[in-house]
């Protein structure tokens, strides 16, 4: 949710915890 507030929609993120973080951010993501 913090990521969703911080970045505009469509911002690509890369994460090591790709479950809830990606789901709640609603941002396109890469699972490292």
ModelCIF file with pLDDT and N, C-alpha, C, O atoms, coordinates in Angstrom:
data_MODEL
#
_entry.id   MODEL 
#
_entity.id                         1 
_entity.type                       polymer 
_entity.pdbx_number_of_molecules   1 
#
_entity_poly.entity_id                      1 
_entity_poly.type                           'polypeptide(L)' 
_entity_poly.nstd_linkage                   no 
_entity_poly.nstd_monomer                   no 
_entity_poly.pdbx_seq_one_letter_code       
;(UNK)(UNK)(UNK)(UNK)(UNK)(UNK)(UNK)(UNK)(UNK)(UNK)(UNK)(UNK)(UNK)(UNK)(UNK)(UNK)
(UNK)(UNK)(UNK)(UNK)(UNK)(UNK)(UNK)(UNK)(UNK)(UNK)(UNK)(UNK)(UNK)(UNK)(UNK)(UNK)
;
_entity_poly.pdbx_seq_one_letter_code_can   XXXXXXXXXXXXXXXXXXXXXXXXXXXXXXXX 
_entity_poly.pdbx_strand_id                 A 
#
loop_
_entity_poly_seq.entity_id 
_entity_poly_seq.num 
_entity_poly_seq.mon_id 
_entity_poly_seq.hetero 
1 1  UNK n 
1 2  UNK n 
1 3  UNK n 
1 4  UNK n 
1 5  UNK n 
1 6  UNK n 
1 7  UNK n 
1 8  UNK n 
1 9  UNK n 
1 10 UNK n 
1 11 UNK n 
1 12 UNK n 
1 13 UNK n 
1 14 UNK n 
1 15 UNK n 
1 16 UNK n 
1 17 UNK n 
1 18 UNK n 
1 19 UNK n 
1 20 UNK n 
1 21 UNK n 
1 22 UNK n 
1 23 UNK n 
1 24 UNK n 
1 25 UNK n 
1 26 UNK n 
1 27 UNK n 
1 28 UNK n 
1 29 UNK n 
1 30 UNK n 
1 31 UNK n 
1 32 UNK n 
#
_struct_asym.id          A 
_struct_asym.entity_id   1 
#
loop_
_ma_qa_metric.id 
_ma_qa_metric.mode 
_ma_qa_metric.name 
_ma_qa_metric.software_group_id 
_ma_qa_metric.type 
1 global pLDDT . pLDDT 
2 local  pLDDT . pLDDT 
#
_ma_qa_metric_global.metric_id      1 
_ma_qa_metric_global.metric_value   93.84 
_ma_qa_metric_global.model_id       1 
_ma_qa_metric_global.ordinal_id     1 
#
loop_
_ma_qa_metric_local.label_asym_id 
_ma_qa_metric_local.label_comp_id 
_ma_qa_metric_local.label_seq_id 
_ma_qa_metric_local.metric_id 
_ma_qa_metric_local.metric_value 
_ma_qa_metric_local.model_id 
_ma_qa_metric_local.ordinal_id 
A UNK 1  2 95.00 1 1  
A UNK 2  2 94.00 1 2  
A UNK 3  2 95.00 1 3  
A UNK 4  2 96.00 1 4  
A UNK 5  2 95.00 1 5  
A UNK 6  2 95.00 1 6  
A UNK 7  2 96.00 1 7  
A UNK 8  2 97.00 1 8  
A UNK 9  2 97.00 1 9  
A UNK 10 2 97.00 1 10 
A UNK 11 2 97.00 1 11 
A UNK 12 2 97.00 1 12 
A UNK 13 2 96.00 1 13 
A UNK 14 2 96.00 1 14 
A UNK 15 2 94.00 1 15 
A UNK 16 2 90.00 1 16 
A UNK 17 2 86.00 1 17 
A UNK 18 2 86.00 1 18 
A UNK 19 2 86.00 1 19 
A UNK 20 2 88.00 1 20 
A UNK 21 2 91.00 1 21 
A UNK 22 2 92.00 1 22 
A UNK 23 2 93.00 1 23 
A UNK 24 2 94.00 1 24 
A UNK 25 2 95.00 1 25 
A UNK 26 2 96.00 1 26 
A UNK 27 2 97.00 1 27 
A UNK 28 2 96.00 1 28 
A UNK 29 2 95.00 1 29 
A UNK 30 2 95.00 1 30 
A UNK 31 2 93.00 1 31 
A UNK 32 2 93.00 1 32 
#
loop_
_atom_site.group_PDB 
_atom_site.id 
_atom_site.type_symbol 
_atom_site.label_atom_id 
_atom_site.label_alt_id 
_atom_site.label_comp_id 
_atom_site.label_asym_id 
_atom_site.label_entity_id 
_atom_site.label_seq_id 
_atom_site.pdbx_PDB_ins_code 
_atom_site.Cartn_x 
_atom_site.Cartn_y 
_atom_site.Cartn_z 
_atom_site.occupancy 
_atom_site.B_iso_or_equiv 
_atom_site.pdbx_formal_charge 
_atom_site.auth_seq_id 
_atom_site.auth_comp_id 
_atom_site.auth_asym_id 
_atom_site.auth_atom_id 
_atom_site.pdbx_PDB_model_num 
ATOM 1   N N  . UNK A 1 1  ? 0.827  -1.212  0.000   1.00 95.00 ? 1  UNK A N  1 
ATOM 2   C CA . UNK A 1 1  ? 0.000  0.000   0.000   1.00 95.00 ? 1  UNK A CA 1 
ATOM 3   C C  . UNK A 1 1  ? 0.858  1.257   0.000   1.00 95.00 ? 1  UNK A C  1 
ATOM 4   O O  . UNK A 1 1  ? 0.500  2.251   -0.632  1.00 95.00 ? 1  UNK A O  1 
ATOM 5   N N  . UNK A 1 2  ? 1.987  1.225   0.702   1.00 94.00 ? 2  UNK A N  1 
ATOM 6   C CA . UNK A 1 2  ? 2.927  2.349   0.692   1.00 94.00 ? 2  UNK A CA 1 
ATOM 7   C C  . UNK A 1 2  ? 3.465  2.576   -0.730  1.00 94.00 ? 2  UNK A C  1 
ATOM 8   O O  . UNK A 1 2  ? 3.547  3.714   -1.192  1.00 94.00 ? 2  UNK A O  1 
ATOM 9   N N  . UNK A 1 3  ? 3.829  1.489   -1.414  1.00 95.00 ? 3  UNK A N  1 
ATOM 10  C CA . UNK A 1 3  ? 4.314  1.609   -2.793  1.00 95.00 ? 3  UNK A CA 1 
ATOM 11  C C  . UNK A 1 3  ? 3.241  2.205   -3.705  1.00 95.00 ? 3  UNK A C  1 
ATOM 12  O O  . UNK A 1 3  ? 3.539  3.024   -4.574  1.00 95.00 ? 3  UNK A O  1 
ATOM 13  N N  . UNK A 1 4  ? 2.003  1.790   -3.499  1.00 96.00 ? 4  UNK A N  1 
ATOM 14  C CA . UNK A 1 4  ? 0.891  2.297   -4.308  1.00 96.00 ? 4  UNK A CA 1 
ATOM 15  C C  . UNK A 1 4  ? 0.723  3.805   -4.124  1.00 96.00 ? 4  UNK A C  1 
ATOM 16  O O  . UNK A 1 4  ? 0.397  4.515   -5.074  1.00 96.00 ? 4  UNK A O  1 
ATOM 17  N N  . UNK A 1 5  ? 0.945  4.290   -2.906  1.00 95.00 ? 5  UNK A N  1 
ATOM 18  C CA . UNK A 1 5  ? 0.883  5.734   -2.642  1.00 95.00 ? 5  UNK A CA 1 
ATOM 19  C C  . UNK A 1 5  ? 2.092  6.469   -3.213  1.00 95.00 ? 5  UNK A C  1 
ATOM 20  O O  . UNK A 1 5  ? 1.970  7.598   -3.687  1.00 95.00 ? 5  UNK A O  1 
ATOM 21  N N  . UNK A 1 6  ? 3.249  5.831   -3.168  1.00 95.00 ? 6  UNK A N  1 
ATOM 22  C CA . UNK A 1 6  ? 4.513  6.474   -3.541  1.00 95.00 ? 6  UNK A CA 1 
ATOM 23  C C  . UNK A 1 6  ? 4.682  6.642   -5.047  1.00 95.00 ? 6  UNK A C  1 
ATOM 24  O O  . UNK A 1 6  ? 5.126  7.694   -5.509  1.00 95.00 ? 6  UNK A O  1 
ATOM 25  N N  . UNK A 1 7  ? 4.333  5.620   -5.809  1.00 96.00 ? 7  UNK A N  1 
ATOM 26  C CA . UNK A 1 7  ? 4.615  5.615   -7.237  1.00 96.00 ? 7  UNK A CA 1 
ATOM 27  C C  . UNK A 1 7  ? 3.329  5.694   -8.057  1.00 96.00 ? 7  UNK A C  1 
ATOM 28  O O  . UNK A 1 7  ? 2.283  5.200   -7.636  1.00 96.00 ? 7  UNK A O  1 
ATOM 29  N N  . UNK A 1 8  ? 3.418  6.317   -9.225  1.00 97.00 ? 8  UNK A N  1 
ATOM 30  C CA . UNK A 1 8  ? 2.230  6.370   -10.089 1.00 97.00 ? 8  UNK A CA 1 
ATOM 31  C C  . UNK A 1 8  ? 1.917  4.997   -10.693 1.00 97.00 ? 8  UNK A C  1 
ATOM 32  O O  . UNK A 1 8  ? 2.804  4.150   -10.807 1.00 97.00 ? 8  UNK A O  1 
ATOM 33  N N  . UNK A 1 9  ? 0.654  4.779   -11.079 1.00 97.00 ? 9  UNK A N  1 
ATOM 34  C CA . UNK A 1 9  ? 0.298  3.507   -11.717 1.00 97.00 ? 9  UNK A CA 1 
ATOM 35  C C  . UNK A 1 9  ? 1.209  3.238   -12.920 1.00 97.00 ? 9  UNK A C  1 
ATOM 36  O O  . UNK A 1 9  ? 1.578  4.146   -13.664 1.00 97.00 ? 9  UNK A O  1 
ATOM 37  N N  . UNK A 1 10 ? 1.555  1.963   -13.081 1.00 97.00 ? 10 UNK A N  1 
ATOM 38  C CA . UNK A 1 10 ? 2.395  1.573   -14.210 1.00 97.00 ? 10 UNK A CA 1 
ATOM 39  C C  . UNK A 1 10 ? 3.884  1.573   -13.900 1.00 97.00 ? 10 UNK A C  1 
ATOM 40  O O  . UNK A 1 10 ? 4.679  1.127   -14.726 1.00 97.00 ? 10 UNK A O  1 
ATOM 41  N N  . UNK A 1 11 ? 4.282  2.065   -12.725 1.00 97.00 ? 11 UNK A N  1 
ATOM 42  C CA . UNK A 1 11 ? 5.699  2.072   -12.339 1.00 97.00 ? 11 UNK A CA 1 
ATOM 43  C C  . UNK A 1 11 ? 6.155  0.632   -12.107 1.00 97.00 ? 11 UNK A C  1 
ATOM 44  O O  . UNK A 1 11 ? 5.544  -0.097  -11.326 1.00 97.00 ? 11 UNK A O  1 
ATOM 45  N N  . UNK A 1 12 ? 7.217  0.227   -12.779 1.00 97.00 ? 12 UNK A N  1 
ATOM 46  C CA . UNK A 1 12 ? 7.734  -1.131  -12.632 1.00 97.00 ? 12 UNK A CA 1 
ATOM 47  C C  . UNK A 1 12 ? 8.598  -1.230  -11.380 1.00 97.00 ? 12 UNK A C  1 
ATOM 48  O O  . UNK A 1 12 ? 9.494  -0.416  -11.157 1.00 97.00 ? 12 UNK A O  1 
ATOM 49  N N  . UNK A 1 13 ? 8.304  -2.259  -10.557 1.00 96.00 ? 13 UNK A N  1 
ATOM 50  C CA . UNK A 1 13 ? 9.088  -2.521  -9.360  1.00 96.00 ? 13 UNK A CA 1 
ATOM 51  C C  . UNK A 1 13 ? 9.663  -3.935  -9.448  1.00 96.00 ? 13 UNK A C  1 
ATOM 52  O O  . UNK A 1 13 ? 9.132  -4.784  -10.164 1.00 96.00 ? 13 UNK A O  1 
ATOM 53  N N  . UNK A 1 14 ? 10.747 -4.180  -8.716  1.00 96.00 ? 14 UNK A N  1 
ATOM 54  C CA . UNK A 1 14 ? 11.342 -5.515  -8.609  1.00 96.00 ? 14 UNK A CA 1 
ATOM 55  C C  . UNK A 1 14 ? 11.447 -5.838  -7.128  1.00 96.00 ? 14 UNK A C  1 
ATOM 56  O O  . UNK A 1 14 ? 11.969 -5.043  -6.347  1.00 96.00 ? 14 UNK A O  1 
ATOM 57  N N  . UNK A 1 15 ? 10.949 -7.009  -6.741  1.00 94.00 ? 15 UNK A N  1 
ATOM 58  C CA . UNK A 1 15 ? 10.856 -7.348  -5.324  1.00 94.00 ? 15 UNK A CA 1 
ATOM 59  C C  . UNK A 1 15 ? 11.323 -8.768  -5.039  1.00 94.00 ? 15 UNK A C  1 
ATOM 60  O O  . UNK A 1 15 ? 11.350 -9.626  -5.922  1.00 94.00 ? 15 UNK A O  1 
ATOM 61  N N  . UNK A 1 16 ? 11.690 -8.991  -3.785  1.00 90.00 ? 16 UNK A N  1 
ATOM 62  C CA . UNK A 1 16 ? 12.002 -10.344 -3.333  1.00 90.00 ? 16 UNK A CA 1 
ATOM 63  C C  . UNK A 1 16 ? 10.828 -10.975 -2.600  1.00 90.00 ? 16 UNK A C  1 
ATOM 64  O O  . UNK A 1 16 ? 10.797 -12.193 -2.421  1.00 90.00 ? 16 UNK A O  1 
ATOM 65  N N  . UNK A 1 17 ? 9.865  -10.171 -2.175  1.00 86.00 ? 17 UNK A N  1 
ATOM 66  C CA . UNK A 1 17 ? 8.641  -10.701 -1.552  1.00 86.00 ? 17 UNK A CA 1 
ATOM 67  C C  . UNK A 1 17 ? 7.486  -10.390 -2.500  1.00 86.00 ? 17 UNK A C  1 
ATOM 68  O O  . UNK A 1 17 ? 6.811  -9.368  -2.372  1.00 86.00 ? 17 UNK A O  1 
ATOM 69  N N  . UNK A 1 18 ? 7.277  -11.286 -3.442  1.00 86.00 ? 18 UNK A N  1 
ATOM 70  C CA . UNK A 1 18 ? 6.401  -10.984 -4.574  1.00 86.00 ? 18 UNK A CA 1 
ATOM 71  C C  . UNK A 1 18 ? 4.939  -11.369 -4.376  1.00 86.00 ? 18 UNK A C  1 
ATOM 72  O O  . UNK A 1 18 ? 4.185  -11.374 -5.350  1.00 86.00 ? 18 UNK A O  1 
ATOM 73  N N  . UNK A 1 19 ? 4.519  -11.681 -3.197  1.00 86.00 ? 19 UNK A N  1 
ATOM 74  C CA . UNK A 1 19 ? 3.115  -12.026 -2.987  1.00 86.00 ? 19 UNK A CA 1 
ATOM 75  C C  . UNK A 1 19 ? 2.288  -10.801 -2.671  1.00 86.00 ? 19 UNK A C  1 
ATOM 76  O O  . UNK A 1 19 ? 1.842  -10.084 -3.567  1.00 86.00 ? 19 UNK A O  1 
ATOM 77  N N  . UNK A 1 20 ? 2.087  -10.567 -1.380  1.00 88.00 ? 20 UNK A N  1 
ATOM 78  C CA . UNK A 1 20 ? 1.225  -9.473  -0.922  1.00 88.00 ? 20 UNK A CA 1 
ATOM 79  C C  . UNK A 1 20 ? 1.745  -8.106  -1.358  1.00 88.00 ? 20 UNK A C  1 
ATOM 80  O O  . UNK A 1 20 ? 0.950  -7.218  -1.666  1.00 88.00 ? 20 UNK A O  1 
ATOM 81  N N  . UNK A 1 21 ? 3.060  -7.922  -1.389  1.00 91.00 ? 21 UNK A N  1 
ATOM 82  C CA . UNK A 1 21 ? 3.614  -6.616  -1.787  1.00 91.00 ? 21 UNK A CA 1 
ATOM 83  C C  . UNK A 1 21 ? 3.117  -6.246  -3.179  1.00 91.00 ? 21 UNK A C  1 
ATOM 84  O O  . UNK A 1 21 ? 2.632  -5.135  -3.394  1.00 91.00 ? 21 UNK A O  1 
ATOM 85  N N  . UNK A 1 22 ? 3.235  -7.167  -4.112  1.00 92.00 ? 22 UNK A N  1 
ATOM 86  C CA . UNK A 1 22 ? 2.791  -6.895  -5.491  1.00 92.00 ? 22 UNK A CA 1 
ATOM 87  C C  . UNK A 1 22 ? 1.281  -6.742  -5.568  1.00 92.00 ? 22 UNK A C  1 
ATOM 88  O O  . UNK A 1 22 ? 0.779  -5.851  -6.254  1.00 92.00 ? 22 UNK A O  1 
ATOM 89  N N  . UNK A 1 23 ? 0.566  -7.592  -4.878  1.00 93.00 ? 23 UNK A N  1 
ATOM 90  C CA . UNK A 1 23 ? -0.892 -7.543  -4.923  1.00 93.00 ? 23 UNK A CA 1 
ATOM 91  C C  . UNK A 1 23 ? -1.410 -6.197  -4.429  1.00 93.00 ? 23 UNK A C  1 
ATOM 92  O O  . UNK A 1 23 ? -2.229 -5.565  -5.096  1.00 93.00 ? 23 UNK A O  1 
ATOM 93  N N  . UNK A 1 24 ? -0.942 -5.761  -3.274  1.00 94.00 ? 24 UNK A N  1 
ATOM 94  C CA . UNK A 1 24 ? -1.466 -4.534  -2.690  1.00 94.00 ? 24 UNK A CA 1 
ATOM 95  C C  . UNK A 1 24 ? -0.903 -3.273  -3.329  1.00 94.00 ? 24 UNK A C  1 
ATOM 96  O O  . UNK A 1 24 ? -1.536 -2.219  -3.260  1.00 94.00 ? 24 UNK A O  1 
ATOM 97  N N  . UNK A 1 25 ? 0.269  -3.355  -3.948  1.00 95.00 ? 25 UNK A N  1 
ATOM 98  C CA . UNK A 1 25 ? 0.802  -2.167  -4.630  1.00 95.00 ? 25 UNK A CA 1 
ATOM 99  C C  . UNK A 1 25 ? 0.063  -1.917  -5.933  1.00 95.00 ? 25 UNK A C  1 
ATOM 100 O O  . UNK A 1 25 ? -0.048 -0.774  -6.378  1.00 95.00 ? 25 UNK A O  1 
ATOM 101 N N  . UNK A 1 26 ? -0.441 -2.974  -6.545  1.00 96.00 ? 26 UNK A N  1 
ATOM 102 C CA . UNK A 1 26 ? -1.120 -2.892  -7.830  1.00 96.00 ? 26 UNK A CA 1 
ATOM 103 C C  . UNK A 1 26 ? -0.202 -2.299  -8.908  1.00 96.00 ? 26 UNK A C  1 
ATOM 104 O O  . UNK A 1 26 ? -0.660 -1.645  -9.844  1.00 96.00 ? 26 UNK A O  1 
ATOM 105 N N  . UNK A 1 27 ? 1.101  -2.546  -8.749  1.00 97.00 ? 27 UNK A N  1 
ATOM 106 C CA . UNK A 1 27 ? 2.088  -2.070  -9.720  1.00 97.00 ? 27 UNK A CA 1 
ATOM 107 C C  . UNK A 1 27 ? 2.651  -3.270  -10.481 1.00 97.00 ? 27 UNK A C  1 
ATOM 108 O O  . UNK A 1 27 ? 2.750  -4.363  -9.925  1.00 97.00 ? 27 UNK A O  1 
ATOM 109 N N  . UNK A 1 28 ? 3.021  -3.073  -11.752 1.00 96.00 ? 28 UNK A N  1 
ATOM 110 C CA . UNK A 1 28 ? 3.688  -4.172  -12.458 1.00 96.00 ? 28 UNK A CA 1 
ATOM 111 C C  . UNK A 1 28 ? 4.988  -4.499  -11.729 1.00 96.00 ? 28 UNK A C  1 
ATOM 112 O O  . UNK A 1 28 ? 5.718  -3.604  -11.304 1.00 96.00 ? 28 UNK A O  1 
ATOM 113 N N  . UNK A 1 29 ? 5.263  -5.787  -11.593 1.00 95.00 ? 29 UNK A N  1 
ATOM 114 C CA . UNK A 1 29 ? 6.419  -6.155  -10.780 1.00 95.00 ? 29 UNK A CA 1 
ATOM 115 C C  . UNK A 1 29 ? 7.201  -7.313  -11.373 1.00 95.00 ? 29 UNK A C  1 
ATOM 116 O O  . UNK A 1 29 ? 6.676  -8.137  -12.121 1.00 95.00 ? 29 UNK A O  1 
ATOM 117 N N  . UNK A 1 30 ? 8.457  -7.343  -11.017 1.00 95.00 ? 30 UNK A N  1 
ATOM 118 C CA . UNK A 1 30 ? 9.362  -8.436  -11.354 1.00 95.00 ? 30 UNK A CA 1 
ATOM 119 C C  . UNK A 1 30 ? 9.691  -9.167  -10.062 1.00 95.00 ? 30 UNK A C  1 
ATOM 120 O O  . UNK A 1 30 ? 9.997  -8.538  -9.049  1.00 95.00 ? 30 UNK A O  1 
ATOM 121 N N  . UNK A 1 31 ? 9.630  -10.473 -10.091 1.00 93.00 ? 31 UNK A N  1 
ATOM 122 C CA . UNK A 1 31 ? 9.985  -11.278 -8.930  1.00 93.00 ? 31 UNK A CA 1 
ATOM 123 C C  . UNK A 1 31 ? 11.456 -11.654 -9.067  1.00 93.00 ? 31 UNK A C  1 
ATOM 124 O O  . UNK A 1 31 ? 11.812 -12.499 -9.889  1.00 93.00 ? 31 UNK A O  1 
ATOM 125 N N  . UNK A 1 32 ? 12.296 -11.035 -8.273  1.00 93.00 ? 32 UNK A N  1 
ATOM 126 C CA . UNK A 1 32 ? 13.741 -11.251 -8.353  1.00 93.00 ? 32 UNK A CA 1 
ATOM 127 C C  . UNK A 1 32 ? 14.098 -12.719 -8.137  1.00 93.00 ? 32 UNK A C  1 
ATOM 128 O O  . UNK A 1 32 ? 15.274 -13.080 -8.171  1.00 93.00 ? 32 UNK A O  1 
#
